[in-house]
């Protein structure tokens, strides 16, 4: 795989904080739903949140930690896969990058 275009790299790098915050808003809403589930005990809600956050922290670390230009395609693919990055977000990238991500998504 070849190196990403400079313009794609800049968009990716500059968008990471935005995508992270947007994703965490969604995650925090899900945590709130778990916390307010009247069908469960406080203990059940606690452990449900614990397990949920454990899973989400792995996703966040994989998607956002140690990113580099050489890992951009992999990270972006993972972000699309987990819903952190949408088709609307991808619209800002080059056609070449969108084709690569689309190809990977079709293999899932």
C-alpha atoms as a PDB file:
ATOM      1  CA  UNK A   1       0.000   0.000   0.000  1.00  0.00           C
ATOM      2  CA  UNK A   2       1.339   3.406  -0.880  1.00  0.00           C
ATOM      3  CA  UNK A   3       1.607   6.476   1.294  1.00  0.00           C
ATOM      4  CA  UNK A   4      -1.548   8.569   1.691  1.00  0.00           C
ATOM      5  CA  UNK A   5      -1.738  11.922  -0.039  1.00  0.00           C
ATOM      6  CA  UNK A   6      -0.632  14.904   2.032  1.00  0.00           C
ATOM      7  CA  UNK A   7      -4.114  16.454   1.779  1.00  0.00           C
ATOM      8  CA  UNK A   8      -5.738  13.249   3.077  1.00  0.00           C
ATOM      9  CA  UNK A   9      -3.225  13.030   5.911  1.00  0.00           C
ATOM     10  CA  UNK A  10      -3.970  16.623   6.989  1.00  0.00           C
ATOM     11  CA  UNK A  11      -7.727  16.026   6.928  1.00  0.00           C
ATOM     12  CA  UNK A  12      -7.298  12.828   8.923  1.00  0.00           C
ATOM     13  CA  UNK A  13      -4.993  14.377  11.523  1.00  0.00           C
ATOM     14  CA  UNK A  14      -7.104  17.511  11.940  1.00  0.00           C
ATOM     15  CA  UNK A  15     -10.375  15.568  12.148  1.00  0.00           C
ATOM     16  CA  UNK A  16      -9.328  13.126  14.871  1.00  0.00           C
ATOM     17  CA  UNK A  17     -10.341  15.350  17.823  1.00  0.00           C
ATOM     18  CA  UNK A  18     -13.690  16.108  16.186  1.00  0.00           C
ATOM     19  CA  UNK A  19     -14.429  12.461  15.471  1.00  0.00           C
ATOM     20  CA  UNK A  20     -13.375  11.432  18.979  1.00  0.00           C
ATOM     21  CA  UNK A  21     -15.675  13.962  20.630  1.00  0.00           C
ATOM     22  CA  UNK A  22     -18.615  13.114  18.359  1.00  0.00           C
ATOM     23  CA  UNK A  23     -18.131   9.426  19.092  1.00  0.00           C
ATOM     24  CA  UNK A  24     -17.832   9.988  22.834  1.00  0.00           C
ATOM     25  CA  UNK A  25     -21.053  12.013  22.862  1.00  0.00           C
ATOM     26  CA  UNK A  26     -22.788   8.923  21.450  1.00  0.00           C
ATOM     27  CA  UNK A  27     -21.018   6.636  23.947  1.00  0.00           C
ATOM     28  CA  UNK A  28     -21.898   8.888  26.887  1.00  0.00           C
ATOM     29  CA  UNK A  29     -25.553   8.837  25.813  1.00  0.00           C
ATOM     30  CA  UNK A  30     -25.439   5.041  25.793  1.00  0.00           C
ATOM     31  CA  UNK A  31     -23.903   5.065  29.277  1.00  0.00           C
ATOM     32  CA  UNK A  32     -26.706   7.346  30.439  1.00  0.00           C
ATOM     33  CA  UNK A  33     -29.269   4.917  29.049  1.00  0.00           C
ATOM     34  CA  UNK A  34     -27.633   2.056  30.932  1.00  0.00           C
ATOM     35  CA  UNK A  35     -27.509   4.126  34.139  1.00  0.00           C
ATOM     36  CA  UNK A  36     -31.189   4.957  33.921  1.00  0.00           C
ATOM     37  CA  UNK A  37     -32.497   1.488  33.067  1.00  0.00           C
ATOM     38  CA  UNK A  38     -35.299   0.944  35.596  1.00  0.00           C
ATOM     39  CA  UNK A  39     -35.395  -2.787  34.823  1.00  0.00           C
ATOM     40  CA  UNK A  40     -31.959  -3.358  36.377  1.00  0.00           C
ATOM     41  CA  UNK A  41     -30.541  -3.075  39.854  1.00  0.00           C
ATOM     42  CA  UNK A  42     -27.807  -0.575  40.679  1.00  0.00           C
ATOM     43  CA  UNK A  43     -25.351  -3.469  40.771  1.00  0.00           C
ATOM     44  CA  UNK A  44     -26.387  -4.703  37.339  1.00  0.00           C
ATOM     45  CA  UNK A  45     -26.131  -1.184  35.908  1.00  0.00           C
ATOM     46  CA  UNK A  46     -22.659  -0.756  37.423  1.00  0.00           C
ATOM     47  CA  UNK A  47     -21.344  -3.997  35.907  1.00  0.00           C
ATOM     48  CA  UNK A  48     -23.042  -3.343  32.576  1.00  0.00           C
ATOM     49  CA  UNK A  49     -21.317   0.043  32.391  1.00  0.00           C
ATOM     50  CA  UNK A  50     -18.021  -1.487  33.441  1.00  0.00           C
ATOM     51  CA  UNK A  51     -18.181  -4.043  30.611  1.00  0.00           C
ATOM     52  CA  UNK A  52     -19.401  -1.442  28.123  1.00  0.00           C
ATOM     53  CA  UNK A  53     -16.582   0.966  28.961  1.00  0.00           C
ATOM     54  CA  UNK A  54     -14.001  -1.811  28.816  1.00  0.00           C
ATOM     55  CA  UNK A  55     -15.100  -2.635  25.274  1.00  0.00           C
ATOM     56  CA  UNK A  56     -15.265   1.028  24.245  1.00  0.00           C
ATOM     57  CA  UNK A  57     -11.846   1.822  25.672  1.00  0.00           C
ATOM     58  CA  UNK A  58     -10.330  -0.929  23.507  1.00  0.00           C
ATOM     59  CA  UNK A  59     -12.030   0.525  20.438  1.00  0.00           C
ATOM     60  CA  UNK A  60     -10.863   4.044  21.266  1.00  0.00           C
ATOM     61  CA  UNK A  61      -7.292   2.953  21.916  1.00  0.00           C
ATOM     62  CA  UNK A  62      -7.132   0.934  18.709  1.00  0.00           C
ATOM     63  CA  UNK A  63      -8.593   3.761  16.615  1.00  0.00           C
ATOM     64  CA  UNK A  64      -6.857   6.745  18.182  1.00  0.00           C
ATOM     65  CA  UNK A  65      -3.615   5.700  19.849  1.00  0.00           C
ATOM     66  CA  UNK A  66      -0.324   5.657  17.989  1.00  0.00           C
ATOM     67  CA  UNK A  67      -1.695   6.811  14.704  1.00  0.00           C
ATOM     68  CA  UNK A  68       0.748   7.725  11.977  1.00  0.00           C
ATOM     69  CA  UNK A  69       0.681   8.454   8.323  1.00  0.00           C
ATOM     70  CA  UNK A  70       1.635   4.849   7.566  1.00  0.00           C
ATOM     71  CA  UNK A  71      -1.222   3.514   9.726  1.00  0.00           C
ATOM     72  CA  UNK A  72      -3.807   6.020   8.487  1.00  0.00           C
ATOM     73  CA  UNK A  73      -5.664   3.613   6.180  1.00  0.00           C
ATOM     74  CA  UNK A  74      -5.938   0.958   8.893  1.00  0.00           C
ATOM     75  CA  UNK A  75      -7.044   3.458  11.542  1.00  0.00           C
ATOM     76  CA  UNK A  76      -9.575   5.064   9.220  1.00  0.00           C
ATOM     77  CA  UNK A  77     -10.978   1.666   8.269  1.00  0.00           C
ATOM     78  CA  UNK A  78     -11.386   0.804  11.964  1.00  0.00           C
ATOM     79  CA  UNK A  79     -13.068   4.155  12.641  1.00  0.00           C
ATOM     80  CA  UNK A  80     -15.551   3.596   9.841  1.00  0.00           C
ATOM     81  CA  UNK A  81     -16.160   0.047  11.030  1.00  0.00           C
ATOM     82  CA  UNK A  82     -17.031   1.115  14.587  1.00  0.00           C
ATOM     83  CA  UNK A  83     -19.124   4.101  13.491  1.00  0.00           C
ATOM     84  CA  UNK A  84     -16.707   6.796  14.585  1.00  0.00           C
ATOM     85  CA  UNK A  85     -16.357   8.052  11.000  1.00  0.00           C
ATOM     86  CA  UNK A  86     -19.349   8.273   8.653  1.00  0.00           C
ATOM     87  CA  UNK A  87     -19.724   8.463   4.890  1.00  0.00           C
ATOM     88  CA  UNK A  88     -20.319  12.183   5.364  1.00  0.00           C
ATOM     89  CA  UNK A  89     -16.930  12.471   7.090  1.00  0.00           C
ATOM     90  CA  UNK A  90     -15.264  10.558   4.253  1.00  0.00           C
ATOM     91  CA  UNK A  91     -16.603  13.019   1.686  1.00  0.00           C
ATOM     92  CA  UNK A  92     -13.743  15.419   2.506  1.00  0.00           C
ATOM     93  CA  UNK A  93     -11.097  12.919   1.389  1.00  0.00           C
ATOM     94  CA  UNK A  94      -9.714  12.207  -2.061  1.00  0.00           C
ATOM     95  CA  UNK A  95     -11.547   9.789  -4.356  1.00  0.00           C
ATOM     96  CA  UNK A  96      -8.539   7.486  -4.108  1.00  0.00           C
ATOM     97  CA  UNK A  97      -8.826   7.193  -0.329  1.00  0.00           C
ATOM     98  CA  UNK A  98     -12.601   6.736  -0.501  1.00  0.00           C
ATOM     99  CA  UNK A  99     -12.117   3.893  -2.991  1.00  0.00           C
ATOM    100  CA  UNK A 100      -9.620   2.171  -0.689  1.00  0.00           C
ATOM    101  CA  UNK A 101     -11.950   2.423   2.320  1.00  0.00           C
ATOM    102  CA  UNK A 102     -14.922   1.310   0.237  1.00  0.00           C
ATOM    103  CA  UNK A 103     -12.966  -1.700  -1.014  1.00  0.00           C
ATOM    104  CA  UNK A 104     -12.019  -2.696   2.544  1.00  0.00           C
ATOM    105  CA  UNK A 105     -15.586  -2.249   3.762  1.00  0.00           C
ATOM    106  CA  UNK A 106     -16.858  -4.519   0.994  1.00  0.00           C
ATOM    107  CA  UNK A 107     -14.586  -7.285   2.281  1.00  0.00           C
ATOM    108  CA  UNK A 108     -16.188  -7.361   5.711  1.00  0.00           C
END
